[in-house]
N, C-alpha and C. Protein backbone atom coordinates (compact mmCIF):
# COMPACT_ATOMS: atom_id res chain seq x y z
N MET A 1 136.00 72.17 8.06
CA MET A 1 137.18 71.22 8.34
C MET A 1 137.26 70.93 9.82
N ALA A 2 136.68 71.85 10.48
CA ALA A 2 137.20 72.03 11.74
C ALA A 2 135.96 70.62 12.64
N PRO A 3 134.71 70.39 12.25
CA PRO A 3 134.06 69.11 12.66
C PRO A 3 135.27 67.76 12.80
N VAL A 4 135.57 68.09 11.44
CA VAL A 4 136.45 66.74 10.93
C VAL A 4 137.87 66.43 12.18
N LEU A 5 138.04 67.56 12.40
CA LEU A 5 139.19 67.10 13.47
C LEU A 5 139.10 66.88 14.61
N CYS A 6 137.84 67.63 15.43
CA CYS A 6 136.75 67.50 16.49
C CYS A 6 137.04 65.90 16.32
N SER A 7 135.84 65.56 15.52
CA SER A 7 135.36 64.57 15.51
C SER A 7 137.00 63.19 15.06
N LEU A 8 137.87 63.37 14.76
CA LEU A 8 138.97 62.36 15.00
C LEU A 8 140.06 62.74 16.30
N VAL A 9 139.57 63.60 16.64
CA VAL A 9 140.87 64.05 18.40
C VAL A 9 139.93 63.32 19.21
N LEU A 10 138.40 63.01 18.68
CA LEU A 10 137.87 62.40 20.39
C LEU A 10 137.82 60.82 19.72
N LEU A 11 137.77 60.37 18.71
CA LEU A 11 137.60 59.45 17.87
C LEU A 11 139.61 58.46 19.01
N ALA A 12 140.22 59.11 18.40
CA ALA A 12 141.27 58.62 18.87
C ALA A 12 141.39 58.57 20.39
N LEU A 13 140.90 59.71 21.21
CA LEU A 13 140.90 59.05 22.71
C LEU A 13 140.28 58.01 22.70
N HIS A 14 138.81 57.83 22.32
CA HIS A 14 138.13 56.56 22.33
C HIS A 14 138.24 55.50 22.11
N GLY A 15 139.29 55.50 21.21
CA GLY A 15 140.21 54.44 20.70
C GLY A 15 141.28 53.67 21.87
N VAL A 16 141.43 54.93 22.55
CA VAL A 16 142.29 54.60 23.50
C VAL A 16 141.81 53.86 24.70
N GLY A 17 140.94 54.63 25.08
CA GLY A 17 139.82 54.39 26.28
C GLY A 17 139.25 53.06 26.03
N GLY A 18 138.66 52.86 25.01
CA GLY A 18 138.15 51.55 24.37
C GLY A 18 139.24 50.65 24.49
N PHE A 19 140.77 50.37 24.34
CA PHE A 19 141.88 49.51 24.60
C PHE A 19 141.56 48.96 25.91
N PHE A 20 141.77 50.46 26.78
CA PHE A 20 141.70 49.94 28.29
C PHE A 20 140.56 49.17 28.92
N VAL A 21 139.28 49.58 28.42
CA VAL A 21 138.25 49.01 28.87
C VAL A 21 138.12 47.64 28.38
N LEU A 22 138.26 47.77 27.20
CA LEU A 22 138.52 46.26 26.45
C LEU A 22 139.37 45.09 27.24
N ASN A 23 140.52 45.44 27.53
CA ASN A 23 141.73 44.92 28.35
C ASN A 23 140.98 44.80 29.81
N ALA A 24 140.10 45.21 30.36
CA ALA A 24 139.66 45.07 31.54
C ALA A 24 138.81 43.86 31.26
N LEU A 25 137.78 43.94 30.49
CA LEU A 25 136.79 43.04 30.13
C LEU A 25 137.23 41.83 29.85
N MET A 26 138.52 41.73 28.97
CA MET A 26 138.95 40.40 28.94
C MET A 26 139.71 39.75 29.60
N THR A 27 140.49 40.48 30.72
CA THR A 27 141.23 39.86 32.38
C THR A 27 139.99 38.77 32.68
N THR A 28 140.68 37.44 32.66
CA THR A 28 140.35 36.53 33.49
C THR A 28 141.01 36.58 35.02
N SER A 29 140.30 35.92 35.82
CA SER A 29 140.59 35.46 37.00
C SER A 29 140.13 33.78 37.11
N GLU A 30 141.40 33.29 37.34
CA GLU A 30 141.29 31.77 38.33
C GLU A 30 140.56 31.82 39.18
N GLY A 31 140.14 32.48 40.32
CA GLY A 31 139.11 32.66 41.07
C GLY A 31 139.22 33.50 41.96
N PRO A 32 138.53 33.74 43.06
CA PRO A 32 139.01 34.73 44.07
C PRO A 32 140.16 35.40 44.95
N TRP A 33 141.27 34.27 44.55
CA TRP A 33 142.57 33.94 45.77
C TRP A 33 143.37 34.89 44.39
N ASP A 34 143.02 34.79 43.01
CA ASP A 34 144.00 35.65 42.28
C ASP A 34 143.89 37.14 42.17
N THR A 35 144.43 38.11 43.21
CA THR A 35 144.29 39.22 43.56
C THR A 35 145.03 40.07 42.69
N ASP A 36 145.95 39.53 41.57
CA ASP A 36 146.68 40.56 40.94
C ASP A 36 145.86 40.25 39.53
N VAL A 37 145.15 39.58 39.48
CA VAL A 37 144.35 39.70 37.97
C VAL A 37 143.18 40.92 38.40
N THR A 38 142.69 40.59 39.72
CA THR A 38 141.44 41.55 40.36
C THR A 38 141.99 42.74 40.06
N GLN A 39 143.45 43.16 40.60
CA GLN A 39 143.75 44.76 40.52
C GLN A 39 144.13 44.93 39.00
N THR A 40 144.43 44.07 38.27
CA THR A 40 144.74 44.36 36.81
C THR A 40 143.66 44.92 36.43
N ALA A 41 142.41 44.11 36.57
CA ALA A 41 141.03 44.50 35.67
C ALA A 41 140.60 45.54 36.26
N ARG A 42 140.76 45.83 37.30
CA ARG A 42 140.01 47.21 38.39
C ARG A 42 140.83 48.47 37.87
N MET A 43 142.89 48.11 37.53
CA MET A 43 143.04 49.31 37.27
C MET A 43 143.08 49.71 35.70
N MET A 44 142.93 48.86 34.95
CA MET A 44 142.87 48.81 33.29
C MET A 44 141.55 49.90 33.43
N ALA A 45 140.12 49.66 34.05
CA ALA A 45 138.88 50.13 33.78
C ALA A 45 139.08 51.79 34.40
N LEU A 46 140.18 51.80 35.39
CA LEU A 46 140.10 53.36 35.87
C LEU A 46 140.79 53.92 35.05
N PHE A 47 141.64 53.49 34.26
CA PHE A 47 142.24 54.07 33.27
C PHE A 47 141.48 54.26 32.25
N GLY A 48 140.32 53.62 31.72
CA GLY A 48 139.49 53.92 30.87
C GLY A 48 138.76 55.04 30.78
N ILE A 49 138.34 54.95 32.47
CA ILE A 49 137.35 56.26 33.09
C ILE A 49 138.02 57.50 32.94
N VAL A 50 138.71 57.72 33.36
CA VAL A 50 140.14 58.39 33.25
C VAL A 50 140.59 59.13 31.91
N THR A 51 140.14 58.51 31.08
CA THR A 51 140.02 58.30 29.35
C THR A 51 139.66 58.93 29.03
N GLU A 52 138.24 57.97 29.43
CA GLU A 52 136.63 59.00 28.47
C GLU A 52 136.42 60.19 29.32
N ALA A 53 137.00 60.84 30.56
CA ALA A 53 136.79 61.66 31.21
C ALA A 53 136.86 62.92 30.68
N LEU A 54 138.30 63.07 29.63
CA LEU A 54 139.09 63.81 29.62
C LEU A 54 138.95 64.06 27.71
N ALA A 55 137.84 62.64 27.42
CA ALA A 55 137.11 63.05 26.33
C ALA A 55 135.77 63.51 26.52
N ALA A 56 134.77 63.03 27.19
CA ALA A 56 133.80 63.76 27.91
C ALA A 56 133.88 65.22 27.87
N ALA A 57 134.88 65.82 28.85
CA ALA A 57 135.62 66.97 28.98
C ALA A 57 135.55 68.01 27.26
N LEU A 58 136.79 67.39 26.53
CA LEU A 58 136.51 67.44 24.81
C LEU A 58 135.56 67.89 24.49
N THR A 59 134.83 66.49 24.53
CA THR A 59 133.00 66.87 23.63
C THR A 59 132.60 68.11 24.23
N ALA A 60 132.66 68.21 25.67
CA ALA A 60 131.71 69.42 26.06
C ALA A 60 132.32 70.88 25.11
N VAL A 61 133.50 70.98 25.26
CA VAL A 61 134.34 71.81 24.71
C VAL A 61 133.68 72.24 23.34
N PHE A 62 133.61 70.93 22.12
CA PHE A 62 133.28 70.94 20.97
C PHE A 62 132.30 71.15 20.56
N ILE A 63 131.28 70.85 21.73
CA ILE A 63 130.34 70.95 21.59
C ILE A 63 129.31 72.52 21.50
N ALA A 64 130.43 72.86 22.53
CA ALA A 64 129.99 74.86 22.92
C ALA A 64 130.48 75.13 21.99
N LEU A 65 131.39 75.04 21.08
CA LEU A 65 131.54 75.71 20.30
C LEU A 65 130.96 75.04 18.81
N ALA A 66 129.84 74.32 19.22
CA ALA A 66 129.30 74.37 18.03
C ALA A 66 129.80 73.62 16.98
N ARG A 67 131.15 72.58 17.26
CA ARG A 67 131.60 71.80 16.15
C ARG A 67 130.91 70.63 15.93
N LEU A 68 130.41 69.98 17.25
CA LEU A 68 130.07 68.81 17.53
C LEU A 68 128.29 68.66 17.86
N ARG A 69 127.64 67.54 17.68
CA ARG A 69 126.14 67.48 17.90
C ARG A 69 126.24 66.74 19.00
N THR A 70 125.46 66.71 20.12
CA THR A 70 125.27 66.28 21.57
C THR A 70 125.19 64.80 21.77
N TRP A 71 125.36 63.57 20.56
CA TRP A 71 124.97 62.47 20.47
C TRP A 71 126.28 61.79 20.63
N TRP A 72 127.58 62.57 20.53
CA TRP A 72 129.07 62.41 21.05
C TRP A 72 129.04 62.04 22.36
N TYR A 73 128.03 62.59 22.89
CA TYR A 73 128.35 62.03 24.96
C TYR A 73 128.02 60.78 24.97
N ALA A 74 127.34 59.84 24.24
CA ALA A 74 127.12 58.50 24.06
C ALA A 74 128.17 57.78 24.11
N ILE A 75 129.24 57.92 23.49
CA ILE A 75 130.40 56.81 23.58
C ILE A 75 131.00 57.10 24.56
N PRO A 76 131.49 57.85 25.46
CA PRO A 76 132.19 58.38 26.61
C PRO A 76 130.95 57.58 27.54
N ALA A 77 130.14 57.82 27.29
CA ALA A 77 129.11 57.78 28.53
C ALA A 77 128.87 56.02 28.57
N LEU A 78 128.79 54.96 27.52
CA LEU A 78 128.94 54.18 27.17
C LEU A 78 129.92 53.35 27.68
N LEU A 79 131.04 53.98 27.36
CA LEU A 79 132.58 53.34 28.26
C LEU A 79 132.30 53.26 29.36
N VAL A 80 132.42 54.55 29.94
CA VAL A 80 132.67 54.65 31.40
C VAL A 80 131.52 53.50 32.35
N VAL A 81 130.12 53.53 31.69
CA VAL A 81 129.06 52.45 32.72
C VAL A 81 130.28 51.36 32.19
N THR A 82 130.29 51.30 30.95
CA THR A 82 130.96 49.86 31.07
C THR A 82 132.38 49.40 31.95
N ALA A 83 132.86 50.07 32.04
CA ALA A 83 134.27 50.41 33.29
C ALA A 83 133.88 50.30 34.63
N VAL A 84 132.84 51.25 34.87
CA VAL A 84 132.12 51.06 36.23
C VAL A 84 131.69 49.62 36.36
N VAL A 85 131.01 49.09 35.70
CA VAL A 85 129.97 47.71 35.98
C VAL A 85 131.41 46.33 36.31
N ARG A 86 132.62 46.75 35.49
CA ARG A 86 133.75 45.74 35.33
C ARG A 86 134.30 46.22 36.58
N MET A 87 134.64 47.42 37.14
CA MET A 87 135.38 47.66 38.58
C MET A 87 134.42 47.06 39.57
N VAL A 88 133.26 46.97 39.73
CA VAL A 88 132.17 46.46 40.72
C VAL A 88 131.91 44.86 40.46
N PHE A 89 131.88 44.40 39.63
CA PHE A 89 132.00 42.92 39.15
C PHE A 89 133.21 41.81 39.46
N ALA A 90 133.94 42.99 39.32
CA ALA A 90 135.57 41.98 39.47
C ALA A 90 135.57 41.54 40.42
N PRO A 91 135.92 39.76 40.12
CA PRO A 91 136.07 38.70 41.43
C PRO A 91 136.79 39.86 42.78
N GLY A 92 136.16 39.34 43.64
CA GLY A 92 136.48 40.13 45.36
C GLY A 92 137.81 39.65 45.84
N ALA A 93 138.99 40.21 46.74
CA ALA A 93 139.93 39.66 46.88
C ALA A 93 139.84 39.15 48.05
């Protein structure tokens, strides 16, 4: 029962983090002069990174307690890399 509860907690956090990263990816700019959209995309990516950092910390705890397997690290790693790439390649102001 404990692995199921741990999985549900992590999936909820990944859902929130994925929501932020998806919003960062879907935010489009009209051009380099559109600083509001650029800031919004970077802010959403940052929220995704913070959420996934929390999820990664909980993943480490659950793995240390032998409730989950190590492949659970792949989800926050993928979302954080995606968010960082979006932050770096957002149109410059």
